[in-house]
Amino acid sequence: MAKMSSRRLWAYVACLSLWPVSLLAGAPDPAANVLACKQGRTSCDRSRLTLSEVTEVASADHARNVSDCRNARASCDPSRLSGTEAIALAVAGHDRNVEKCTDGIGACDTSRLTRAEARDVAAAGRQRQLADCRNGIGTCDASALTEAERSEVAIAARGRMVSDCREGTGQCDHSGLTRPEERDVALAEHRRNLSNCMNDYDECDRSKLGQREAIEVDLAQHTRNMAECRSGREGCDYSLLSPAEVAALAAAERRRNHTACATGRGYCDRSRLTPAEAAAIPAGPGVASSIGGQP
């Protein structure tokens, strides 16, 4: 019985010695709690803050509210602003509204503008409308323009049309071109077609090529095809090759096959080796015994 009491006593002592450790292990990090409070998170436990931390958190709360008010967030509480902060907020809000009205971007409240600001905003809006008319953006209300502005817009529109004709984009009205412009546009179209043919694009019209240009296009096509064949790519058209080119490619392929068999790297077809080459190169795994026999 005395033995049992002694064992129980030691067990109680061990439990009591571990109790503070378990409490510390389960306690949240004070620094993390301060940070959560400063950031306004729901995990914040203000009852665990020291007096100095309460002051720090209150300062962070105030700064966050000022920021919310400056950015027109719903969480803004204007009653918590100082007189100076409230004035600065009003100035910033007014300036932001004037900027939106002037730029025509975002929600603009014209009722908050002064007469002078309203005149400036109207002038800016008219300049935007004129610029849109010049650049062909949206629907242009020519009736709101002066005669000089309408003339300016017409010149800009014609310039865009001529540019579209040269570039082959947009709507080109050939009937509206002068003879020099027609020549420039025709030359630009011819050069664009030649470029398309040289690069084998679908837009190529070979019927518009001159004799020398057709030869250049054929040479470019032949060069591209030869490159495809040398690389063993699927774009190779063997029917376009000369007998000498076919022979050269076959010789290059024999050299490649011999190297692959000799080094054990790459596709090797031993059936294409000469008897002397086959005798000099021992067979290894992954080697084809006939054409197409690669595993």
C-alpha atoms as a PDB file:
ATOM      1  CA  MET A   1       0.000   0.000   0.000  1.00  0.00           C
ATOM      2  CA  ALA A   2       2.884   2.343   0.806  1.00  0.00           C
ATOM      3  CA  LYS A   3       4.387   1.471  -2.615  1.00  0.00           C
ATOM      4  CA  MET A   4       1.180   2.445  -4.414  1.00  0.00           C
ATOM      5  CA  SER A   5       0.983   5.778  -2.570  1.00  0.00           C
ATOM      6  CA  SER A   6       4.566   6.593  -3.492  1.00  0.00           C
ATOM      7  CA  ARG A   7       3.889   5.876  -7.189  1.00  0.00           C
ATOM      8  CA  ARG A   8       0.785   8.059  -7.169  1.00  0.00           C
ATOM      9  CA  LEU A   9       2.714  10.875  -5.500  1.00  0.00           C
ATOM     10  CA  TRP A  10       5.382  10.823  -8.226  1.00  0.00           C
ATOM     11  CA  ALA A  11       2.699  10.785 -10.909  1.00  0.00           C
ATOM     12  CA  TYR A  12       1.081  13.885  -9.403  1.00  0.00           C
ATOM     13  CA  VAL A  13       4.449  15.628  -9.246  1.00  0.00           C
ATOM     14  CA  ALA A  14       5.143  14.831 -12.926  1.00  0.00           C
ATOM     15  CA  CYS A  15       1.741  16.155 -13.987  1.00  0.00           C
ATOM     16  CA  LEU A  16       2.206  19.375 -12.028  1.00  0.00           C
ATOM     17  CA  SER A  17       5.680  19.933 -13.549  1.00  0.00           C
ATOM     18  CA  LEU A  18       4.329  19.574 -17.118  1.00  0.00           C
ATOM     19  CA  TRP A  19       1.252  21.781 -16.544  1.00  0.00           C
ATOM     20  CA  PRO A  20       2.975  25.193 -17.158  1.00  0.00           C
ATOM     21  CA  VAL A  21       4.598  23.812 -20.343  1.00  0.00           C
ATOM     22  CA  SER A  22       1.228  22.699 -21.709  1.00  0.00           C
ATOM     23  CA  LEU A  23      -0.236  26.088 -20.934  1.00  0.00           C
ATOM     24  CA  LEU A  24       2.572  27.863 -22.795  1.00  0.00           C
ATOM     25  CA  ALA A  25       2.281  25.513 -25.774  1.00  0.00           C
ATOM     26  CA  GLY A  26      -1.432  26.269 -26.134  1.00  0.00           C
ATOM     27  CA  ALA A  27      -1.125  30.032 -25.675  1.00  0.00           C
ATOM     28  CA  PRO A  28      -1.416  32.118 -28.880  1.00  0.00           C
ATOM     29  CA  ASP A  29       1.577  34.162 -30.020  1.00  0.00           C
ATOM     30  CA  PRO A  30       1.282  37.708 -28.514  1.00  0.00           C
ATOM     31  CA  ALA A  31       3.040  39.307 -31.505  1.00  0.00           C
ATOM     32  CA  ALA A  32       0.653  37.578 -33.918  1.00  0.00           C
ATOM     33  CA  ASN A  33      -2.311  38.853 -31.908  1.00  0.00           C
ATOM     34  CA  VAL A  34      -0.965  42.431 -31.989  1.00  0.00           C
ATOM     35  CA  LEU A  35      -0.541  42.174 -35.760  1.00  0.00           C
ATOM     36  CA  ALA A  36      -4.084  40.811 -36.171  1.00  0.00           C
ATOM     37  CA  CYS A  37      -5.444  43.728 -34.139  1.00  0.00           C
ATOM     38  CA  LYS A  38      -3.455  46.281 -36.140  1.00  0.00           C
ATOM     39  CA  GLN A  39      -4.812  44.804 -39.369  1.00  0.00           C
ATOM     40  CA  GLY A  40      -8.391  44.737 -38.085  1.00  0.00           C
ATOM     41  CA  ARG A  41      -8.783  40.965 -38.375  1.00  0.00           C
ATOM     42  CA  THR A  42     -11.511  39.084 -36.487  1.00  0.00           C
ATOM     43  CA  SER A  43      -8.906  36.886 -34.768  1.00  0.00           C
ATOM     44  CA  CYS A  44      -7.779  39.903 -32.723  1.00  0.00           C
ATOM     45  CA  ASP A  45      -8.183  39.528 -28.941  1.00  0.00           C
ATOM     46  CA  ARG A  46      -7.961  43.051 -27.534  1.00  0.00           C
ATOM     47  CA  SER A  47      -8.187  41.807 -23.938  1.00  0.00           C
ATOM     48  CA  ARG A  48      -4.631  40.420 -24.284  1.00  0.00           C
ATOM     49  CA  LEU A  49      -3.085  43.738 -25.352  1.00  0.00           C
ATOM     50  CA  THR A  50      -0.793  45.762 -23.123  1.00  0.00           C
ATOM     51  CA  LEU A  51      -1.405  49.502 -22.657  1.00  0.00           C
ATOM     52  CA  SER A  52       1.283  50.412 -25.174  1.00  0.00           C
ATOM     53  CA  GLU A  53      -0.125  47.863 -27.680  1.00  0.00           C
ATOM     54  CA  VAL A  54      -3.622  49.308 -27.230  1.00  0.00           C
ATOM     55  CA  THR A  55      -2.211  52.694 -28.242  1.00  0.00           C
ATOM     56  CA  GLU A  56      -0.468  51.189 -31.279  1.00  0.00           C
ATOM     57  CA  VAL A  57      -3.641  49.362 -32.389  1.00  0.00           C
ATOM     58  CA  ALA A  58      -5.744  52.501 -31.952  1.00  0.00           C
ATOM     59  CA  SER A  59      -3.306  54.417 -34.166  1.00  0.00           C
ATOM     60  CA  ALA A  60      -3.475  51.644 -36.817  1.00  0.00           C
ATOM     61  CA  ASP A  61      -7.281  51.657 -36.643  1.00  0.00           C
ATOM     62  CA  HIS A  62      -7.353  55.401 -37.200  1.00  0.00           C
ATOM     63  CA  ALA A  63      -4.933  55.244 -40.135  1.00  0.00           C
ATOM     64  CA  ARG A  64      -6.996  52.455 -41.719  1.00  0.00           C
ATOM     65  CA  ASN A  65     -10.183  54.488 -41.359  1.00  0.00           C
ATOM     66  CA  VAL A  66      -8.516  57.534 -42.975  1.00  0.00           C
ATOM     67  CA  SER A  67      -7.440  55.306 -45.872  1.00  0.00           C
ATOM     68  CA  ASP A  68     -10.952  53.840 -46.203  1.00  0.00           C
ATOM     69  CA  CYS A  69     -12.440  57.342 -46.322  1.00  0.00           C
ATOM     70  CA  ARG A  70      -9.879  58.568 -48.886  1.00  0.00           C
ATOM     71  CA  ASN A  71     -10.743  55.591 -51.119  1.00  0.00           C
ATOM     72  CA  ALA A  72     -14.515  55.967 -50.641  1.00  0.00           C
ATOM     73  CA  ARG A  73     -14.884  52.526 -49.048  1.00  0.00           C
ATOM     74  CA  ALA A  74     -18.091  51.555 -47.253  1.00  0.00           C
ATOM     75  CA  SER A  75     -16.108  50.886 -44.058  1.00  0.00           C
ATOM     76  CA  CYS A  76     -15.249  54.614 -43.745  1.00  0.00           C
ATOM     77  CA  ASP A  77     -16.485  56.283 -40.546  1.00  0.00           C
ATOM     78  CA  PRO A  78     -16.295  60.085 -41.127  1.00  0.00           C
ATOM     79  CA  SER A  79     -17.179  60.787 -37.474  1.00  0.00           C
ATOM     80  CA  ARG A  80     -13.762  59.426 -36.425  1.00  0.00           C
ATOM     81  CA  LEU A  81     -11.826  61.918 -38.557  1.00  0.00           C
ATOM     82  CA  SER A  82     -10.236  64.991 -37.070  1.00  0.00           C
ATOM     83  CA  GLY A  83     -11.192  68.409 -38.400  1.00  0.00           C
ATOM     84  CA  THR A  84      -8.009  68.628 -40.458  1.00  0.00           C
ATOM     85  CA  GLU A  85      -8.496  65.102 -41.845  1.00  0.00           C
ATOM     86  CA  ALA A  86     -12.106  65.838 -42.771  1.00  0.00           C
ATOM     87  CA  ILE A  87     -11.054  68.953 -44.703  1.00  0.00           C
ATOM     88  CA  ALA A  88      -8.278  67.030 -46.495  1.00  0.00           C
ATOM     89  CA  LEU A  89     -10.814  64.308 -47.362  1.00  0.00           C
ATOM     90  CA  ALA A  90     -13.247  66.851 -48.793  1.00  0.00           C
ATOM     91  CA  VAL A  91     -10.493  68.463 -50.896  1.00  0.00           C
ATOM     92  CA  ALA A  92      -9.312  65.080 -52.209  1.00  0.00           C
ATOM     93  CA  GLY A  93     -12.874  64.001 -53.014  1.00  0.00           C
ATOM     94  CA  HIS A  94     -13.591  67.229 -54.877  1.00  0.00           C
ATOM     95  CA  ASP A  95     -10.369  67.010 -56.893  1.00  0.00           C
ATOM     96  CA  ARG A  96     -11.041  63.376 -57.743  1.00  0.00           C
ATOM     97  CA  ASN A  97     -14.521  64.221 -59.029  1.00  0.00           C
ATOM     98  CA  VAL A  98     -13.162  67.100 -61.153  1.00  0.00           C
ATOM     99  CA  GLU A  99     -10.543  64.751 -62.613  1.00  0.00           C
ATOM    100  CA  LYS A 100     -13.151  62.133 -63.511  1.00  0.00           C
ATOM    101  CA  CYS A 101     -15.387  64.736 -65.128  1.00  0.00           C
ATOM    102  CA  THR A 102     -12.496  66.257 -67.066  1.00  0.00           C
ATOM    103  CA  ASP A 103     -11.170  62.902 -68.318  1.00  0.00           C
ATOM    104  CA  GLY A 104     -14.608  61.434 -68.993  1.00  0.00           C
ATOM    105  CA  ILE A 105     -13.650  58.321 -67.052  1.00  0.00           C
ATOM    106  CA  GLY A 106     -15.581  56.954 -64.105  1.00  0.00           C
ATOM    107  CA  ALA A 107     -18.601  58.359 -62.285  1.00  0.00           C
ATOM    108  CA  CYS A 108     -18.745  62.164 -62.589  1.00  0.00           C
ATOM    109  CA  ASP A 109     -21.058  64.271 -60.405  1.00  0.00           C
ATOM    110  CA  THR A 110     -21.451  67.537 -62.322  1.00  0.00           C
ATOM    111  CA  SER A 111     -23.568  69.002 -59.513  1.00  0.00           C
ATOM    112  CA  ARG A 112     -20.426  69.253 -57.359  1.00  0.00           C
ATOM    113  CA  LEU A 113     -18.523  71.351 -59.945  1.00  0.00           C
ATOM    114  CA  THR A 114     -18.065  75.085 -59.672  1.00  0.00           C
ATOM    115  CA  ARG A 115     -19.065  77.219 -62.687  1.00  0.00           C
ATOM    116  CA  ALA A 116     -15.444  77.598 -63.748  1.00  0.00           C
ATOM    117  CA  GLU A 117     -14.855  73.845 -63.398  1.00  0.00           C
ATOM    118  CA  ALA A 118     -18.011  73.099 -65.367  1.00  0.00           C
ATOM    119  CA  ARG A 119     -16.729  75.298 -68.226  1.00  0.00           C
ATOM    120  CA  ASP A 120     -13.367  73.502 -68.135  1.00  0.00           C
ATOM    121  CA  VAL A 121     -15.072  70.107 -68.164  1.00  0.00           C
ATOM    122  CA  ALA A 122     -17.270  71.106 -71.106  1.00  0.00           C
ATOM    123  CA  ALA A 123     -14.215  72.313 -73.041  1.00  0.00           C
ATOM    124  CA  ALA A 124     -12.372  69.068 -72.294  1.00  0.00           C
ATOM    125  CA  GLY A 125     -15.386  67.051 -73.422  1.00  0.00           C
ATOM    126  CA  ARG A 126     -15.530  68.952 -76.685  1.00  0.00           C
ATOM    127  CA  GLN A 127     -11.819  68.356 -77.298  1.00  0.00           C
ATOM    128  CA  ARG A 128     -12.346  64.630 -76.703  1.00  0.00           C
ATOM    129  CA  GLN A 129     -15.243  64.630 -79.153  1.00  0.00           C
ATOM    130  CA  LEU A 130     -13.133  66.425 -81.774  1.00  0.00           C
ATOM    131  CA  ALA A 131     -10.247  63.982 -81.251  1.00  0.00           C
ATOM    132  CA  ASP A 132     -12.643  61.018 -81.619  1.00  0.00           C
ATOM    133  CA  CYS A 133     -13.965  62.510 -84.859  1.00  0.00           C
ATOM    134  CA  ARG A 134     -10.432  63.024 -86.179  1.00  0.00           C
ATOM    135  CA  ASN A 135      -9.457  59.441 -85.322  1.00  0.00           C
ATOM    136  CA  GLY A 136     -12.701  57.848 -86.484  1.00  0.00           C
ATOM    137  CA  ILE A 137     -13.582  56.582 -83.022  1.00  0.00           C
ATOM    138  CA  GLY A 138     -17.274  56.008 -82.343  1.00  0.00           C
ATOM    139  CA  THR A 139     -20.021  58.086 -83.945  1.00  0.00           C
ATOM    140  CA  CYS A 140     -18.999  61.614 -84.845  1.00  0.00           C
ATOM    141  CA  ASP A 141     -21.663  64.341 -84.550  1.00  0.00           C
ATOM    142  CA  ALA A 142     -20.461  66.700 -87.272  1.00  0.00           C
ATOM    143  CA  SER A 143     -23.302  69.129 -86.523  1.00  0.00           C
ATOM    144  CA  ALA A 144     -21.592  70.060 -83.260  1.00  0.00           C
ATOM    145  CA  LEU A 145     -18.374  71.035 -85.051  1.00  0.00           C
ATOM    146  CA  THR A 146     -17.369  74.324 -86.597  1.00  0.00           C
ATOM    147  CA  GLU A 147     -16.740  74.529 -90.332  1.00  0.00           C
ATOM    148  CA  ALA A 148     -12.964  74.542 -89.759  1.00  0.00           C
ATOM    149  CA  GLU A 149     -13.234  71.482 -87.492  1.00  0.00           C
ATOM    150  CA  ARG A 150     -15.394  69.627 -90.034  1.00  0.00           C
ATOM    151  CA  SER A 151     -12.755  70.318 -92.680  1.00  0.00           C
ATOM    152  CA  GLU A 152     -10.043  69.064 -90.326  1.00  0.00           C
ATOM    153  CA  VAL A 153     -12.023  65.893 -89.616  1.00  0.00           C
ATOM    154  CA  ALA A 154     -12.615  65.266 -93.337  1.00  0.00           C
ATOM    155  CA  ILE A 155      -8.877  65.593 -94.067  1.00  0.00           C
ATOM    156  CA  ALA A 156      -8.081  63.150 -91.270  1.00  0.00           C
ATOM    157  CA  ALA A 157     -10.700  60.667 -92.521  1.00  0.00           C
ATOM    158  CA  ARG A 158      -9.270  60.787 -96.039  1.00  0.00           C
ATOM    159  CA  GLY A 159      -5.753  60.273 -94.666  1.00  0.00           C
ATOM    160  CA  ARG A 160      -6.954  57.163 -92.812  1.00  0.00           C
ATOM    161  CA  MET A 161      -8.599  55.848 -95.983  1.00  0.00           C
ATOM    162  CA  VAL A 162      -5.422  56.289 -98.059  1.00  0.00           C
ATOM    163  CA  SER A 163      -3.404  54.593 -95.301  1.00  0.00           C
ATOM    164  CA  ASP A 164      -5.861  51.679 -95.235  1.00  0.00           C
ATOM    165  CA  CYS A 165      -5.475  51.324 -99.011  1.00  0.00           C
ATOM    166  CA  ARG A 166      -1.670  51.221 -98.749  1.00  0.00           C
ATOM    167  CA  GLU A 167      -1.703  48.752 -95.854  1.00  0.00           C
ATOM    168  CA  GLY A 168      -4.499  46.590 -97.261  1.00  0.00           C
ATOM    169  CA  THR A 169      -6.570  47.014 -94.099  1.00  0.00           C
ATOM    170  CA  GLY A 170      -9.969  48.541 -93.356  1.00  0.00           C
ATOM    171  CA  GLN A 171     -12.160  50.007 -96.084  1.00  0.00           C
ATOM    172  CA  CYS A 172     -10.323  51.241 -99.186  1.00  0.00           C
ATOM    173  CA  ASP A 173     -12.243  53.432-101.648  1.00  0.00           C
ATOM    174  CA  HIS A 174     -10.086  53.373-104.781  1.00  0.00           C
ATOM    175  CA  SER A 175     -12.433  55.809-106.481  1.00  0.00           C
ATOM    176  CA  GLY A 176     -11.459  58.473-103.945  1.00  0.00           C
ATOM    177  CA  LEU A 177      -7.724  58.245-104.656  1.00  0.00           C
ATOM    178  CA  THR A 178      -5.732  60.678-106.759  1.00  0.00           C
ATOM    179  CA  ARG A 179      -3.536  59.281-109.535  1.00  0.00           C
ATOM    180  CA  PRO A 180      -0.318  59.573-107.483  1.00  0.00           C
ATOM    181  CA  GLU A 181      -2.103  57.870-104.570  1.00  0.00           C
ATOM    182  CA  GLU A 182      -3.338  55.113-106.893  1.00  0.00           C
ATOM    183  CA  ARG A 183       0.237  54.460-108.014  1.00  0.00           C
ATOM    184  CA  ASP A 184       1.483  54.363-104.417  1.00  0.00           C
ATOM    185  CA  VAL A 185      -1.309  52.012-103.392  1.00  0.00           C
ATOM    186  CA  ALA A 186      -0.740  49.728-106.398  1.00  0.00           C
ATOM    187  CA  LEU A 187       2.994  49.559-105.609  1.00  0.00           C
ATOM    188  CA  ALA A 188       2.258  48.773-101.942  1.00  0.00           C
ATOM    189  CA  GLU A 189      -0.210  46.027-102.952  1.00  0.00           C
ATOM    190  CA  HIS A 190       2.338  44.519-105.349  1.00  0.00           C
ATOM    191  CA  ARG A 191       5.070  44.475-102.693  1.00  0.00           C
ATOM    192  CA  ARG A 192       2.696  42.958-100.152  1.00  0.00           C
ATOM    193  CA  ASN A 193       1.702  40.203-102.603  1.00  0.00           C
ATOM    194  CA  LEU A 194       5.370  39.477-103.414  1.00  0.00           C
ATOM    195  CA  SER A 195       6.138  39.203 -99.689  1.00  0.00           C
ATOM    196  CA  ASN A 196       3.201  36.812 -99.234  1.00  0.00           C
ATOM    197  CA  CYS A 197       4.464  34.642-102.099  1.00  0.00           C
ATOM    198  CA  MET A 198       8.070  34.667-100.861  1.00  0.00           C
ATOM    199  CA  ASN A 199       6.855  33.472 -97.441  1.00  0.00           C
ATOM    200  CA  ASP A 200       4.377  30.962 -98.927  1.00  0.00           C
ATOM    201  CA  TYR A 201       1.354  32.656 -97.333  1.00  0.00           C
ATOM    202  CA  ASP A 202      -2.172  31.819 -98.496  1.00  0.00           C
ATOM    203  CA  GLU A 203      -2.715  35.421 -99.653  1.00  0.00           C
ATOM    204  CA  CYS A 204      -0.159  34.967-102.463  1.00  0.00           C
ATOM    205  CA  ASP A 205      -1.506  35.603-105.988  1.00  0.00           C
ATOM    206  CA  ARG A 206       1.134  34.261-108.415  1.00  0.00           C
ATOM    207  CA  SER A 207      -0.741  35.703-111.402  1.00  0.00           C
ATOM    208  CA  LYS A 208       0.361  39.175-110.249  1.00  0.00           C
ATOM    209  CA  LEU A 209       4.077  38.315-110.216  1.00  0.00           C
ATOM    210  CA  GLY A 210       6.541  39.365-112.901  1.00  0.00           C
ATOM    211  CA  GLN A 211       8.765  36.780-114.589  1.00  0.00           C
ATOM    212  CA  ARG A 212      11.800  37.563-112.424  1.00  0.00           C
ATOM    213  CA  GLU A 213       9.657  37.672-109.267  1.00  0.00           C
ATOM    214  CA  ALA A 214       8.176  34.256-110.076  1.00  0.00           C
ATOM    215  CA  ILE A 215      11.722  32.866-110.380  1.00  0.00           C
ATOM    216  CA  GLU A 216      12.655  34.384-106.998  1.00  0.00           C
ATOM    217  CA  VAL A 217       9.516  32.915-105.399  1.00  0.00           C
ATOM    218  CA  ASP A 218      10.265  29.459-106.845  1.00  0.00           C
ATOM    219  CA  LEU A 219      13.839  29.663-105.552  1.00  0.00           C
ATOM    220  CA  ALA A 220      12.626  30.647-102.068  1.00  0.00           C
ATOM    221  CA  GLN A 221      10.107  27.794-102.075  1.00  0.00           C
ATOM    222  CA  HIS A 222      12.784  25.332-103.232  1.00  0.00           C
ATOM    223  CA  THR A 223      15.185  26.520-100.504  1.00  0.00           C
ATOM    224  CA  ARG A 224      12.497  26.084 -97.823  1.00  0.00           C
ATOM    225  CA  ASN A 225      11.607  22.626 -99.100  1.00  0.00           C
ATOM    226  CA  MET A 226      15.265  21.551 -99.164  1.00  0.00           C
ATOM    227  CA  ALA A 227      15.654  22.697 -95.558  1.00  0.00           C
ATOM    228  CA  GLU A 228      12.568  20.672 -94.586  1.00  0.00           C
ATOM    229  CA  CYS A 229      13.967  17.581 -96.321  1.00  0.00           C
ATOM    230  CA  ARG A 230      17.437  17.920 -94.737  1.00  0.00           C
ATOM    231  CA  SER A 231      15.815  18.118 -91.306  1.00  0.00           C
ATOM    232  CA  GLY A 232      13.517  15.169 -92.022  1.00  0.00           C
ATOM    233  CA  ARG A 233      10.430  17.227 -91.302  1.00  0.00           C
ATOM    234  CA  GLU A 234       6.987  16.370 -92.645  1.00  0.00           C
ATOM    235  CA  GLY A 235       6.878  19.520 -94.775  1.00  0.00           C
ATOM    236  CA  CYS A 236       9.380  18.002 -97.227  1.00  0.00           C
ATOM    237  CA  ASP A 237       8.044  17.431-100.760  1.00  0.00           C
ATOM    238  CA  TYR A 238      10.473  14.987-102.402  1.00  0.00           C
ATOM    239  CA  SER A 239       8.780  15.476-105.778  1.00  0.00           C
ATOM    240  CA  LEU A 240      10.273  18.989-105.941  1.00  0.00           C
ATOM    241  CA  LEU A 241      13.865  17.747-105.571  1.00  0.00           C
ATOM    242  CA  SER A 242      16.300  17.210-108.445  1.00  0.00           C
ATOM    243  CA  PRO A 243      17.994  13.800-108.869  1.00  0.00           C
ATOM    244  CA  ALA A 244      21.248  15.302-107.551  1.00  0.00           C
ATOM    245  CA  GLU A 245      19.468  16.633-104.433  1.00  0.00           C
ATOM    246  CA  VAL A 246      17.790  13.271-103.846  1.00  0.00           C
ATOM    247  CA  ALA A 247      21.194  11.587-104.088  1.00  0.00           C
ATOM    248  CA  ALA A 248      22.778  14.112-101.721  1.00  0.00           C
ATOM    249  CA  LEU A 249      20.017  13.604 -99.158  1.00  0.00           C
ATOM    250  CA  ALA A 250      20.349   9.835 -99.428  1.00  0.00           C
ATOM    251  CA  ALA A 251      24.105  10.074 -98.837  1.00  0.00           C
ATOM    252  CA  ALA A 252      23.566  12.329 -95.832  1.00  0.00           C
ATOM    253  CA  GLU A 253      21.025   9.879 -94.433  1.00  0.00           C
ATOM    254  CA  ARG A 254      23.464   6.958 -94.881  1.00  0.00           C
ATOM    255  CA  ARG A 255      26.088   8.929 -92.935  1.00  0.00           C
ATOM    256  CA  ARG A 256      23.584   9.732 -90.194  1.00  0.00           C
ATOM    257  CA  ASN A 257      22.487   6.093 -89.928  1.00  0.00           C
ATOM    258  CA  HIS A 258      26.097   4.883 -89.752  1.00  0.00           C
ATOM    259  CA  THR A 259      26.892   7.400 -87.003  1.00  0.00           C
ATOM    260  CA  ALA A 260      23.775   6.387 -85.033  1.00  0.00           C
ATOM    261  CA  CYS A 261      24.698   2.699 -85.245  1.00  0.00           C
ATOM    262  CA  ALA A 262      28.356   3.353 -84.381  1.00  0.00           C
ATOM    263  CA  THR A 263      27.647   5.623 -81.362  1.00  0.00           C
ATOM    264  CA  GLY A 264      24.453   4.007 -80.129  1.00  0.00           C
ATOM    265  CA  ARG A 265      22.683   7.360 -80.236  1.00  0.00           C
ATOM    266  CA  GLY A 266      19.761   8.008 -82.556  1.00  0.00           C
ATOM    267  CA  TYR A 267      17.743   5.752 -84.847  1.00  0.00           C
ATOM    268  CA  CYS A 268      19.920   2.942 -86.316  1.00  0.00           C
ATOM    269  CA  ASP A 269      18.812   0.608 -89.116  1.00  0.00           C
ATOM    270  CA  ARG A 270      21.504  -2.091 -89.457  1.00  0.00           C
ATOM    271  CA  SER A 271      19.931  -3.427 -92.644  1.00  0.00           C
ATOM    272  CA  ARG A 272      21.144  -0.285 -94.418  1.00  0.00           C
ATOM    273  CA  LEU A 273      24.776  -0.776 -93.389  1.00  0.00           C
ATOM    274  CA  THR A 274      27.276  -2.274 -95.823  1.00  0.00           C
ATOM    275  CA  PRO A 275      28.563  -5.746 -94.858  1.00  0.00           C
ATOM    276  CA  ALA A 276      31.892  -4.179 -93.822  1.00  0.00           C
ATOM    277  CA  GLU A 277      30.133  -1.552 -91.667  1.00  0.00           C
ATOM    278  CA  ALA A 278      27.862  -4.159 -90.059  1.00  0.00           C
ATOM    279  CA  ALA A 279      30.866  -6.365 -89.228  1.00  0.00           C
ATOM    280  CA  ALA A 280      32.711  -3.427 -87.645  1.00  0.00           C
ATOM    281  CA  ILE A 281      29.771  -2.266 -85.536  1.00  0.00           C
ATOM    282  CA  PRO A 282      28.470  -4.713 -82.882  1.00  0.00           C
ATOM    283  CA  ALA A 283      24.675  -4.952 -82.628  1.00  0.00           C
ATOM    284  CA  GLY A 284      23.141  -3.491 -79.498  1.00  0.00           C
ATOM    285  CA  PRO A 285      19.657  -3.103 -77.922  1.00  0.00           C
ATOM    286  CA  GLY A 286      17.131  -0.771 -79.550  1.00  0.00           C
ATOM    287  CA  VAL A 287      18.503  -1.288 -83.044  1.00  0.00           C
ATOM    288  CA  ALA A 288      16.184  -1.853 -86.013  1.00  0.00           C
ATOM    289  CA  SER A 289      16.871  -4.877 -88.206  1.00  0.00           C
ATOM    290  CA  SER A 290      14.918  -3.453 -91.140  1.00  0.00           C
ATOM    291  CA  ILE A 291      13.452  -0.130 -92.263  1.00  0.00           C
ATOM    292  CA  GLY A 292      10.685   0.978 -89.903  1.00  0.00           C
ATOM    293  CA  GLY A 293      11.658  -1.646 -87.345  1.00  0.00           C
ATOM    294  CA  GLN A 294      12.646   0.736 -84.597  1.00  0.00           C
ATOM    295  CA  PRO A 295      10.935  -0.275 -81.325  1.00  0.00           C
END
